[in-house]
N, C-alpha and C. Protein backbone atom coordinates (compact mmCIF):
# COMPACT_ATOMS: atom_id res chain seq x y z
N MET A 1 -22.81 -13.59 -10.87
CA MET A 1 -21.72 -13.45 -9.85
C MET A 1 -21.75 -14.79 -9.09
N THR A 2 -20.58 -15.31 -8.91
CA THR A 2 -20.49 -16.65 -8.25
C THR A 2 -20.43 -16.30 -6.67
N ASP A 3 -20.81 -17.29 -5.97
CA ASP A 3 -20.76 -17.18 -4.48
C ASP A 3 -19.50 -17.77 -4.02
N ARG A 4 -18.46 -16.82 -3.89
CA ARG A 4 -17.16 -17.22 -3.51
C ARG A 4 -17.02 -17.24 -1.99
N GLY A 5 -17.94 -16.63 -1.19
CA GLY A 5 -17.71 -16.56 0.21
C GLY A 5 -18.50 -17.64 0.98
N GLY A 6 -19.22 -18.45 0.30
CA GLY A 6 -20.07 -19.48 1.00
C GLY A 6 -21.32 -18.83 1.50
N GLY A 7 -22.35 -19.56 1.78
CA GLY A 7 -23.58 -19.03 2.34
C GLY A 7 -24.40 -18.38 1.26
N ASN A 8 -25.19 -17.33 1.63
CA ASN A 8 -26.03 -16.63 0.72
C ASN A 8 -25.18 -15.70 -0.17
N ASP A 9 -25.70 -15.46 -1.40
CA ASP A 9 -24.96 -14.62 -2.32
C ASP A 9 -25.45 -13.16 -2.21
N PHE A 10 -24.97 -12.43 -1.20
CA PHE A 10 -25.36 -11.07 -1.00
C PHE A 10 -24.86 -10.19 -2.10
N GLY A 11 -23.80 -10.56 -2.76
CA GLY A 11 -23.25 -9.70 -3.89
C GLY A 11 -24.30 -9.62 -5.00
N ARG A 12 -24.89 -10.72 -5.39
CA ARG A 12 -25.87 -10.75 -6.45
C ARG A 12 -27.06 -9.85 -6.11
N GLU A 13 -27.50 -10.05 -4.85
CA GLU A 13 -28.63 -9.13 -4.34
C GLU A 13 -28.30 -7.70 -4.36
N ALA A 14 -27.09 -7.40 -3.94
CA ALA A 14 -26.67 -5.98 -3.91
C ALA A 14 -26.59 -5.39 -5.38
N ILE A 15 -26.09 -6.16 -6.34
CA ILE A 15 -26.06 -5.69 -7.71
C ILE A 15 -27.46 -5.54 -8.27
N GLU A 16 -28.36 -6.46 -7.97
CA GLU A 16 -29.73 -6.27 -8.49
C GLU A 16 -30.40 -5.03 -7.86
N THR A 17 -30.10 -4.78 -6.56
CA THR A 17 -30.65 -3.62 -5.96
C THR A 17 -30.08 -2.35 -6.53
N LEU A 18 -28.80 -2.35 -6.79
CA LEU A 18 -28.10 -1.18 -7.43
C LEU A 18 -28.68 -0.91 -8.83
N ILE A 19 -28.88 -2.01 -9.58
CA ILE A 19 -29.42 -1.84 -11.03
C ILE A 19 -30.84 -1.18 -10.95
N LYS A 20 -31.64 -1.73 -10.00
CA LYS A 20 -33.01 -1.15 -9.94
C LYS A 20 -33.01 0.27 -9.54
N ARG A 21 -32.15 0.61 -8.59
CA ARG A 21 -32.03 2.08 -8.22
C ARG A 21 -31.46 2.91 -9.32
N MET A 22 -30.48 2.36 -10.06
CA MET A 22 -29.99 3.12 -11.21
C MET A 22 -31.00 3.42 -12.18
N GLU A 23 -31.97 2.52 -12.43
CA GLU A 23 -33.01 2.67 -13.40
C GLU A 23 -34.11 3.60 -12.85
N ASP A 24 -34.54 3.34 -11.61
CA ASP A 24 -35.57 4.20 -11.00
C ASP A 24 -35.18 5.58 -10.73
N GLN A 25 -33.91 5.87 -10.47
CA GLN A 25 -33.50 7.15 -10.12
C GLN A 25 -32.37 7.65 -11.17
N LYS A 26 -32.59 7.30 -12.40
CA LYS A 26 -31.61 7.66 -13.42
C LYS A 26 -31.36 9.11 -13.52
N GLY A 27 -30.07 9.48 -13.49
CA GLY A 27 -29.71 10.88 -13.51
C GLY A 27 -29.67 11.66 -12.18
N GLU A 28 -30.08 10.95 -11.11
CA GLU A 28 -30.16 11.64 -9.83
C GLU A 28 -28.99 11.37 -8.89
N PHE A 29 -28.14 10.34 -9.23
CA PHE A 29 -27.04 10.05 -8.42
C PHE A 29 -25.94 9.35 -9.28
N ALA A 30 -24.78 9.27 -8.76
CA ALA A 30 -23.69 8.61 -9.48
C ALA A 30 -23.27 7.43 -8.72
N VAL A 31 -22.77 6.41 -9.45
CA VAL A 31 -22.26 5.18 -8.83
C VAL A 31 -20.79 5.16 -9.25
N VAL A 32 -19.92 5.03 -8.22
CA VAL A 32 -18.52 4.87 -8.46
C VAL A 32 -18.07 3.45 -7.85
N ALA A 33 -17.59 2.63 -8.70
CA ALA A 33 -17.07 1.32 -8.28
C ALA A 33 -15.63 1.32 -8.64
N ALA A 34 -14.78 0.92 -7.73
CA ALA A 34 -13.38 0.82 -7.91
C ALA A 34 -12.79 -0.42 -7.39
N GLY A 35 -11.69 -0.91 -8.08
CA GLY A 35 -11.03 -2.11 -7.60
C GLY A 35 -9.98 -2.48 -8.63
N TYR A 36 -9.44 -3.65 -8.33
CA TYR A 36 -8.43 -4.28 -9.29
C TYR A 36 -9.11 -4.59 -10.57
N THR A 37 -8.39 -4.46 -11.69
CA THR A 37 -8.90 -4.61 -12.97
C THR A 37 -9.65 -5.94 -13.19
N ASP A 38 -9.07 -7.10 -12.78
CA ASP A 38 -9.72 -8.39 -12.96
C ASP A 38 -10.98 -8.45 -12.19
N ASN A 39 -10.96 -7.92 -10.92
CA ASN A 39 -12.19 -7.98 -10.08
C ASN A 39 -13.27 -7.11 -10.61
N MET A 40 -12.92 -5.95 -11.20
CA MET A 40 -13.90 -5.02 -11.73
C MET A 40 -14.53 -5.66 -12.93
N LYS A 41 -13.75 -6.39 -13.73
CA LYS A 41 -14.27 -7.08 -14.92
C LYS A 41 -15.32 -8.12 -14.46
N LEU A 42 -15.05 -8.89 -13.45
CA LEU A 42 -15.98 -9.87 -12.92
C LEU A 42 -17.21 -9.14 -12.41
N PHE A 43 -17.05 -8.01 -11.75
CA PHE A 43 -18.21 -7.23 -11.23
C PHE A 43 -19.07 -6.82 -12.38
N MET A 44 -18.45 -6.24 -13.42
CA MET A 44 -19.22 -5.71 -14.57
C MET A 44 -19.95 -6.83 -15.32
N GLU A 45 -19.43 -8.04 -15.28
CA GLU A 45 -20.01 -9.17 -15.97
C GLU A 45 -21.01 -9.98 -15.15
N ALA A 46 -21.15 -9.55 -13.81
CA ALA A 46 -21.98 -10.30 -12.91
C ALA A 46 -23.45 -10.23 -13.34
N ASN A 47 -23.84 -9.13 -13.99
CA ASN A 47 -25.29 -9.05 -14.35
C ASN A 47 -25.30 -8.25 -15.67
N PRO A 48 -26.02 -8.76 -16.68
CA PRO A 48 -26.04 -8.09 -18.04
C PRO A 48 -26.53 -6.71 -17.94
N GLY A 49 -27.48 -6.39 -17.00
CA GLY A 49 -28.04 -5.05 -16.88
C GLY A 49 -27.07 -4.02 -16.31
N LEU A 50 -26.10 -4.42 -15.55
CA LEU A 50 -25.18 -3.52 -14.93
C LEU A 50 -24.27 -2.86 -16.00
N LYS A 51 -23.64 -3.67 -16.90
CA LYS A 51 -22.76 -3.16 -17.92
C LYS A 51 -23.52 -2.08 -18.87
N SER A 52 -24.74 -2.38 -19.19
CA SER A 52 -25.47 -1.51 -20.03
C SER A 52 -25.82 -0.21 -19.38
N ARG A 53 -25.77 -0.12 -18.11
CA ARG A 53 -26.15 1.09 -17.35
C ARG A 53 -24.91 1.89 -16.95
N ILE A 54 -23.74 1.43 -17.11
CA ILE A 54 -22.53 2.12 -16.76
C ILE A 54 -21.97 2.71 -18.09
N ASP A 55 -21.97 4.01 -18.17
CA ASP A 55 -21.63 4.62 -19.43
C ASP A 55 -20.18 5.13 -19.48
N ARG A 56 -19.46 5.11 -18.34
CA ARG A 56 -18.06 5.50 -18.34
C ARG A 56 -17.27 4.58 -17.51
N VAL A 57 -16.15 4.17 -18.08
CA VAL A 57 -15.24 3.40 -17.29
C VAL A 57 -13.81 4.07 -17.38
N ILE A 58 -13.28 4.39 -16.33
CA ILE A 58 -11.99 5.02 -16.23
C ILE A 58 -10.91 4.20 -15.73
N HIS A 59 -9.88 3.90 -16.42
CA HIS A 59 -8.81 3.05 -16.02
C HIS A 59 -7.63 4.01 -15.60
N PHE A 60 -7.14 3.90 -14.39
CA PHE A 60 -6.00 4.63 -13.95
C PHE A 60 -4.76 3.86 -14.06
N GLU A 61 -3.75 4.38 -14.73
CA GLU A 61 -2.43 3.72 -14.88
C GLU A 61 -1.73 3.74 -13.52
N ASP A 62 -0.84 2.86 -13.28
CA ASP A 62 -0.02 2.83 -12.13
C ASP A 62 0.88 4.14 -12.21
N TYR A 63 1.26 4.60 -11.04
CA TYR A 63 2.21 5.72 -10.96
C TYR A 63 3.55 5.26 -11.49
N LYS A 64 4.24 6.19 -12.07
CA LYS A 64 5.67 5.94 -12.44
C LYS A 64 6.56 6.17 -11.27
N ILE A 65 7.83 5.76 -11.36
CA ILE A 65 8.74 5.82 -10.23
C ILE A 65 8.84 7.21 -9.74
N ASP A 66 9.02 8.23 -10.65
CA ASP A 66 9.11 9.63 -10.14
C ASP A 66 7.94 10.06 -9.40
N GLU A 67 6.76 9.68 -9.81
CA GLU A 67 5.50 10.02 -9.15
C GLU A 67 5.43 9.29 -7.73
N LEU A 68 6.01 8.05 -7.72
CA LEU A 68 5.98 7.38 -6.40
C LEU A 68 6.96 8.15 -5.41
N MET A 69 8.04 8.63 -5.97
CA MET A 69 8.95 9.40 -5.08
C MET A 69 8.29 10.65 -4.59
N LEU A 70 7.41 11.30 -5.41
CA LEU A 70 6.66 12.48 -5.03
C LEU A 70 5.71 12.22 -3.94
N ILE A 71 5.06 11.02 -4.00
CA ILE A 71 4.19 10.57 -2.98
C ILE A 71 4.99 10.31 -1.68
N MET A 72 6.19 9.78 -1.82
CA MET A 72 7.06 9.49 -0.61
C MET A 72 7.33 10.92 0.04
N HIS A 73 7.79 11.85 -0.74
CA HIS A 73 8.15 13.14 -0.24
C HIS A 73 6.96 13.86 0.41
N TYR A 74 5.81 13.74 -0.18
CA TYR A 74 4.57 14.36 0.42
C TYR A 74 4.30 13.78 1.78
N TYR A 75 4.36 12.45 1.95
CA TYR A 75 4.10 11.81 3.18
C TYR A 75 5.18 12.13 4.24
N LEU A 76 6.38 12.16 3.82
CA LEU A 76 7.47 12.51 4.76
C LEU A 76 7.31 13.92 5.27
N LYS A 77 6.96 14.86 4.36
CA LYS A 77 6.82 16.19 4.79
C LYS A 77 5.62 16.34 5.71
N ARG A 78 4.60 15.67 5.37
CA ARG A 78 3.35 15.74 6.17
C ARG A 78 3.59 15.18 7.64
N GLU A 79 4.43 14.18 7.75
CA GLU A 79 4.75 13.61 9.02
C GLU A 79 5.90 14.30 9.71
N GLY A 80 6.53 15.29 9.01
CA GLY A 80 7.60 16.05 9.63
C GLY A 80 9.03 15.40 9.63
N TYR A 81 9.22 14.61 8.57
CA TYR A 81 10.50 13.87 8.39
C TYR A 81 11.27 14.43 7.19
N ILE A 82 12.57 14.25 7.31
CA ILE A 82 13.45 14.46 6.16
C ILE A 82 14.19 13.18 5.94
N VAL A 83 14.74 12.99 4.77
CA VAL A 83 15.43 11.73 4.47
C VAL A 83 16.85 12.14 3.86
N THR A 84 17.82 11.38 4.33
CA THR A 84 19.17 11.67 3.86
C THR A 84 19.28 11.23 2.39
N GLN A 85 20.25 11.73 1.69
CA GLN A 85 20.39 11.41 0.27
C GLN A 85 20.58 9.98 0.06
N ASP A 86 21.47 9.29 0.85
CA ASP A 86 21.71 7.91 0.63
C ASP A 86 20.45 7.01 1.00
N ALA A 87 19.68 7.47 1.91
CA ALA A 87 18.50 6.73 2.33
C ALA A 87 17.46 6.91 1.13
N GLU A 88 17.40 8.14 0.55
CA GLU A 88 16.47 8.37 -0.52
C GLU A 88 16.84 7.49 -1.67
N ALA A 89 18.13 7.46 -1.96
CA ALA A 89 18.64 6.72 -3.15
C ALA A 89 18.25 5.24 -2.99
N HIS A 90 18.41 4.77 -1.77
CA HIS A 90 18.06 3.36 -1.44
C HIS A 90 16.59 3.10 -1.66
N LEU A 91 15.74 4.03 -1.12
CA LEU A 91 14.30 3.86 -1.28
C LEU A 91 13.87 3.98 -2.76
N HIS A 92 14.60 4.85 -3.50
CA HIS A 92 14.30 4.91 -4.99
C HIS A 92 14.57 3.60 -5.64
N SER A 93 15.67 2.89 -5.30
CA SER A 93 16.01 1.53 -5.81
C SER A 93 14.96 0.56 -5.38
N TYR A 94 14.57 0.62 -4.09
CA TYR A 94 13.56 -0.32 -3.58
C TYR A 94 12.19 -0.11 -4.36
N PHE A 95 11.75 1.11 -4.48
CA PHE A 95 10.50 1.35 -5.15
C PHE A 95 10.55 0.99 -6.63
N SER A 96 11.78 1.17 -7.25
CA SER A 96 11.86 0.77 -8.63
C SER A 96 11.79 -0.71 -8.77
N PHE A 97 12.44 -1.50 -7.93
CA PHE A 97 12.35 -2.91 -7.91
C PHE A 97 10.87 -3.40 -7.68
N MET A 98 10.18 -2.77 -6.73
CA MET A 98 8.82 -3.09 -6.40
C MET A 98 7.97 -2.88 -7.73
N HIS A 99 8.19 -1.72 -8.40
CA HIS A 99 7.43 -1.34 -9.53
C HIS A 99 7.65 -2.31 -10.69
N HIS A 100 8.96 -2.67 -10.88
CA HIS A 100 9.28 -3.55 -12.02
C HIS A 100 8.92 -5.05 -11.82
N THR A 101 8.74 -5.39 -10.59
CA THR A 101 8.39 -6.85 -10.30
C THR A 101 6.91 -6.98 -9.80
N LYS A 102 6.16 -5.93 -9.94
CA LYS A 102 4.78 -5.90 -9.51
C LYS A 102 3.90 -6.97 -10.05
N ASP A 103 2.90 -7.43 -9.30
CA ASP A 103 1.89 -8.31 -9.90
C ASP A 103 0.57 -7.54 -10.08
N LYS A 104 -0.41 -8.20 -10.40
CA LYS A 104 -1.72 -7.52 -10.66
C LYS A 104 -2.35 -6.92 -9.41
N TYR A 105 -1.88 -7.29 -8.25
CA TYR A 105 -2.37 -6.75 -7.03
C TYR A 105 -1.46 -5.66 -6.38
N PHE A 106 -0.53 -5.23 -7.14
CA PHE A 106 0.43 -4.15 -6.62
C PHE A 106 -0.37 -2.96 -6.20
N GLY A 107 -0.21 -2.51 -4.97
CA GLY A 107 -0.95 -1.40 -4.49
C GLY A 107 -0.37 -0.01 -4.89
N ASN A 108 0.67 0.07 -5.54
CA ASN A 108 1.25 1.29 -6.08
C ASN A 108 1.43 2.35 -5.00
N GLY A 109 0.64 3.45 -5.02
CA GLY A 109 0.74 4.54 -4.05
C GLY A 109 0.60 3.97 -2.63
N ARG A 110 -0.36 3.08 -2.45
CA ARG A 110 -0.54 2.48 -1.13
C ARG A 110 0.66 1.76 -0.64
N ALA A 111 1.35 1.12 -1.48
CA ALA A 111 2.64 0.34 -1.13
C ALA A 111 3.66 1.36 -0.69
N ILE A 112 3.71 2.51 -1.35
CA ILE A 112 4.66 3.53 -0.92
C ILE A 112 4.37 4.08 0.45
N VAL A 113 3.13 4.41 0.66
CA VAL A 113 2.69 4.90 2.00
C VAL A 113 2.96 3.94 3.05
N LYS A 114 2.64 2.66 2.82
CA LYS A 114 2.93 1.59 3.85
C LYS A 114 4.40 1.57 4.13
N THR A 115 5.26 1.56 3.08
CA THR A 115 6.69 1.51 3.23
C THR A 115 7.14 2.69 4.07
N ILE A 116 6.65 3.87 3.85
CA ILE A 116 7.08 5.08 4.56
C ILE A 116 6.86 4.86 5.99
N TYR A 117 5.61 4.39 6.41
CA TYR A 117 5.28 4.16 7.79
C TYR A 117 6.17 3.11 8.42
N ASP A 118 6.51 2.09 7.60
CA ASP A 118 7.44 1.02 8.13
C ASP A 118 8.80 1.56 8.34
N VAL A 119 9.24 2.49 7.48
CA VAL A 119 10.60 3.17 7.63
C VAL A 119 10.56 3.91 8.93
N ILE A 120 9.48 4.65 9.16
CA ILE A 120 9.39 5.45 10.39
C ILE A 120 9.42 4.59 11.60
N LYS A 121 8.78 3.44 11.52
CA LYS A 121 8.84 2.47 12.65
C LYS A 121 10.28 2.01 12.88
N ALA A 122 10.99 1.75 11.77
CA ALA A 122 12.36 1.30 11.87
C ALA A 122 13.18 2.40 12.53
N GLN A 123 12.98 3.63 12.07
CA GLN A 123 13.71 4.76 12.70
C GLN A 123 13.40 4.89 14.20
N ASN A 124 12.10 4.72 14.54
CA ASN A 124 11.76 4.74 16.01
C ASN A 124 12.47 3.68 16.82
N LEU A 125 12.61 2.46 16.22
CA LEU A 125 13.33 1.37 16.89
C LEU A 125 14.77 1.77 17.01
N ARG A 126 15.35 2.34 15.97
CA ARG A 126 16.81 2.72 16.09
C ARG A 126 16.97 3.83 17.13
N LEU A 127 16.11 4.80 17.15
CA LEU A 127 16.22 5.92 18.11
C LEU A 127 15.98 5.47 19.57
N ALA A 128 15.14 4.41 19.74
CA ALA A 128 14.91 3.92 21.09
C ALA A 128 16.20 3.33 21.68
N ARG A 129 17.14 2.98 20.92
CA ARG A 129 18.40 2.43 21.43
C ARG A 129 19.41 3.57 21.76
N LEU A 130 19.11 4.84 21.35
CA LEU A 130 19.98 5.94 21.60
C LEU A 130 19.71 6.48 23.00
N PRO A 131 20.71 6.91 23.73
CA PRO A 131 20.53 7.59 25.01
C PRO A 131 19.69 8.83 24.79
N LEU A 132 18.86 9.23 25.80
CA LEU A 132 18.03 10.40 25.63
C LEU A 132 18.78 11.65 25.29
N GLU A 133 19.92 11.82 25.87
CA GLU A 133 20.70 13.00 25.58
C GLU A 133 21.24 13.13 24.14
N ASP A 134 21.22 12.02 23.44
CA ASP A 134 21.69 12.01 22.06
C ASP A 134 20.52 12.26 21.03
N ARG A 135 19.33 12.41 21.52
CA ARG A 135 18.13 12.59 20.70
C ARG A 135 17.85 14.07 20.41
N SER A 136 18.48 14.65 19.45
CA SER A 136 18.18 16.03 19.10
C SER A 136 16.96 16.12 18.18
N PRO A 137 16.35 17.24 18.12
CA PRO A 137 15.25 17.41 17.15
C PRO A 137 15.53 17.04 15.69
N GLU A 138 16.79 17.33 15.32
CA GLU A 138 17.23 16.99 13.89
C GLU A 138 17.38 15.44 13.79
N ILE A 139 17.87 14.82 14.78
CA ILE A 139 18.02 13.33 14.65
C ILE A 139 16.58 12.69 14.67
N LEU A 140 15.70 13.25 15.47
CA LEU A 140 14.36 12.69 15.58
C LEU A 140 13.51 12.79 14.28
N GLN A 141 13.90 13.73 13.47
CA GLN A 141 13.10 13.97 12.25
C GLN A 141 13.83 13.47 10.98
N THR A 142 14.98 12.87 11.09
CA THR A 142 15.76 12.42 10.01
C THR A 142 15.79 10.87 9.83
N LEU A 143 15.43 10.46 8.59
CA LEU A 143 15.47 8.99 8.22
C LEU A 143 16.80 8.78 7.53
N THR A 144 17.58 7.80 8.03
CA THR A 144 18.91 7.52 7.49
C THR A 144 18.95 6.25 6.77
N ILE A 145 20.03 5.96 6.24
CA ILE A 145 20.30 4.65 5.51
C ILE A 145 20.07 3.46 6.45
N GLU A 146 20.34 3.65 7.74
CA GLU A 146 20.21 2.60 8.64
C GLU A 146 18.76 2.23 8.81
N ASP A 147 17.89 3.25 8.63
CA ASP A 147 16.41 2.98 8.71
C ASP A 147 15.81 2.32 7.51
N VAL A 148 16.52 2.38 6.42
CA VAL A 148 15.92 1.80 5.13
C VAL A 148 16.70 0.61 4.67
N LYS A 149 17.85 0.32 5.24
CA LYS A 149 18.60 -0.79 4.68
C LYS A 149 17.91 -2.20 4.72
N GLY A 150 16.95 -2.36 5.51
CA GLY A 150 16.20 -3.64 5.56
C GLY A 150 15.19 -3.70 4.39
N PHE A 151 15.03 -2.67 3.71
CA PHE A 151 14.02 -2.61 2.52
C PHE A 151 14.83 -3.05 1.31
N ASP A 152 14.79 -4.35 1.01
CA ASP A 152 15.54 -4.90 -0.11
C ASP A 152 14.66 -5.70 -0.98
N GLU A 153 15.32 -6.37 -1.98
CA GLU A 153 14.57 -7.19 -2.97
C GLU A 153 13.72 -8.24 -2.30
N LYS A 154 14.27 -8.92 -1.33
CA LYS A 154 13.57 -10.00 -0.65
C LYS A 154 12.28 -9.43 0.03
N ARG A 155 12.41 -8.26 0.69
CA ARG A 155 11.28 -7.67 1.33
C ARG A 155 10.23 -7.20 0.21
N ALA A 156 10.67 -6.63 -0.80
CA ALA A 156 9.81 -6.21 -1.94
C ALA A 156 9.03 -7.38 -2.49
N LEU A 157 9.68 -8.48 -2.70
CA LEU A 157 8.99 -9.67 -3.27
C LEU A 157 7.98 -10.22 -2.25
N ASN A 158 8.16 -10.04 -0.96
CA ASN A 158 7.23 -10.53 0.03
C ASN A 158 6.19 -9.49 0.46
N ALA A 159 6.31 -8.28 -0.09
CA ALA A 159 5.50 -7.17 0.34
C ALA A 159 3.99 -7.49 0.37
N GLY A 160 3.60 -8.20 -0.57
CA GLY A 160 2.09 -8.49 -0.65
C GLY A 160 1.65 -9.66 0.15
N ARG A 161 2.62 -10.39 0.76
CA ARG A 161 2.26 -11.59 1.51
C ARG A 161 2.29 -11.36 2.99
N LYS A 162 1.33 -11.92 3.70
CA LYS A 162 1.25 -11.81 5.13
C LYS A 162 2.09 -12.91 5.74
N ALA A 163 2.95 -12.59 6.69
CA ALA A 163 3.72 -13.61 7.33
C ALA A 163 2.91 -14.27 8.38
N VAL A 164 3.13 -15.58 8.56
CA VAL A 164 2.50 -16.25 9.64
C VAL A 164 3.47 -16.41 10.83
N GLY A 165 3.00 -16.06 11.99
CA GLY A 165 3.90 -16.12 13.15
C GLY A 165 4.50 -14.69 13.41
N PHE A 166 5.64 -14.64 14.04
CA PHE A 166 6.24 -13.45 14.47
C PHE A 166 7.40 -13.18 13.54
N SER A 167 7.64 -11.88 13.36
CA SER A 167 8.85 -11.49 12.55
C SER A 167 9.55 -10.36 13.26
N LYS A 168 10.84 -10.25 12.97
CA LYS A 168 11.61 -9.23 13.61
C LYS A 168 11.38 -7.91 12.82
N PRO A 169 11.05 -6.78 13.49
CA PRO A 169 10.90 -5.56 12.76
C PRO A 169 12.20 -5.14 12.17
N VAL A 170 12.10 -4.39 11.01
CA VAL A 170 13.28 -3.83 10.37
C VAL A 170 14.05 -3.01 11.33
N GLY A 171 15.30 -3.17 11.45
CA GLY A 171 16.13 -2.35 12.33
C GLY A 171 16.24 -2.86 13.76
N ALA A 172 15.50 -3.90 14.12
CA ALA A 172 15.58 -4.38 15.46
C ALA A 172 16.87 -5.16 15.62
N ALA A 173 17.45 -5.02 16.81
CA ALA A 173 18.70 -5.75 17.15
C ALA A 173 18.43 -7.24 17.33
N ASN A 174 19.45 -7.98 17.12
CA ASN A 174 19.42 -9.46 17.31
C ASN A 174 19.72 -9.77 18.78
N HIS A 175 18.65 -10.15 19.50
CA HIS A 175 18.96 -10.50 20.94
C HIS A 175 18.39 -11.90 21.18
N THR A 176 19.23 -12.57 21.94
CA THR A 176 18.75 -13.96 22.40
C THR A 176 18.81 -14.02 23.88
N ASN A 177 18.07 -15.00 24.45
CA ASN A 177 18.03 -15.15 25.82
C ASN A 177 18.97 -16.23 26.25
N LYS A 178 19.90 -16.73 25.42
CA LYS A 178 20.85 -17.73 25.76
C LYS A 178 21.99 -17.10 26.58
N PRO A 179 22.36 -17.87 27.57
CA PRO A 179 23.52 -17.38 28.39
C PRO A 179 24.80 -17.44 27.60
N SER A 180 25.68 -16.55 27.89
CA SER A 180 27.02 -16.46 27.18
C SER A 180 27.91 -17.54 27.66
């Protein structure tokens, strides 16, 4: 294993300790290692003794679009939200685009969960602009097309990248401090 973090190589030491324990306590415990495919390949090749002691490797395929939509519905229900048909159709297109343009680091289910929480934030910003008397329980629990329209191809392509500086939240109004 190469020392990619600088300083001492604690990864190599951890693997050697793990291998020793796997040998000394064989059959007494299980080791589960999980990660992106390329990273796991590097991990398994880090020490010749490691690969020979791991007898099962399970590869999980990415979720399909319909499965991602089920994940979306699960989280929305859990959080007490419903989604309008047009907002759901928009999210389906957004998730499809994300899925079809994914790279090797695509978080799959995690990306859907993050998107749902971002949509809820957008809805909260939209509702904050409503007068209190207009905020019914139904409105408070409904995600609309207005809440999801900022989730587009550009956002999907940038989903894995961290922005430097400040960004405007989805659904936030354009305000300037310039006098009229």
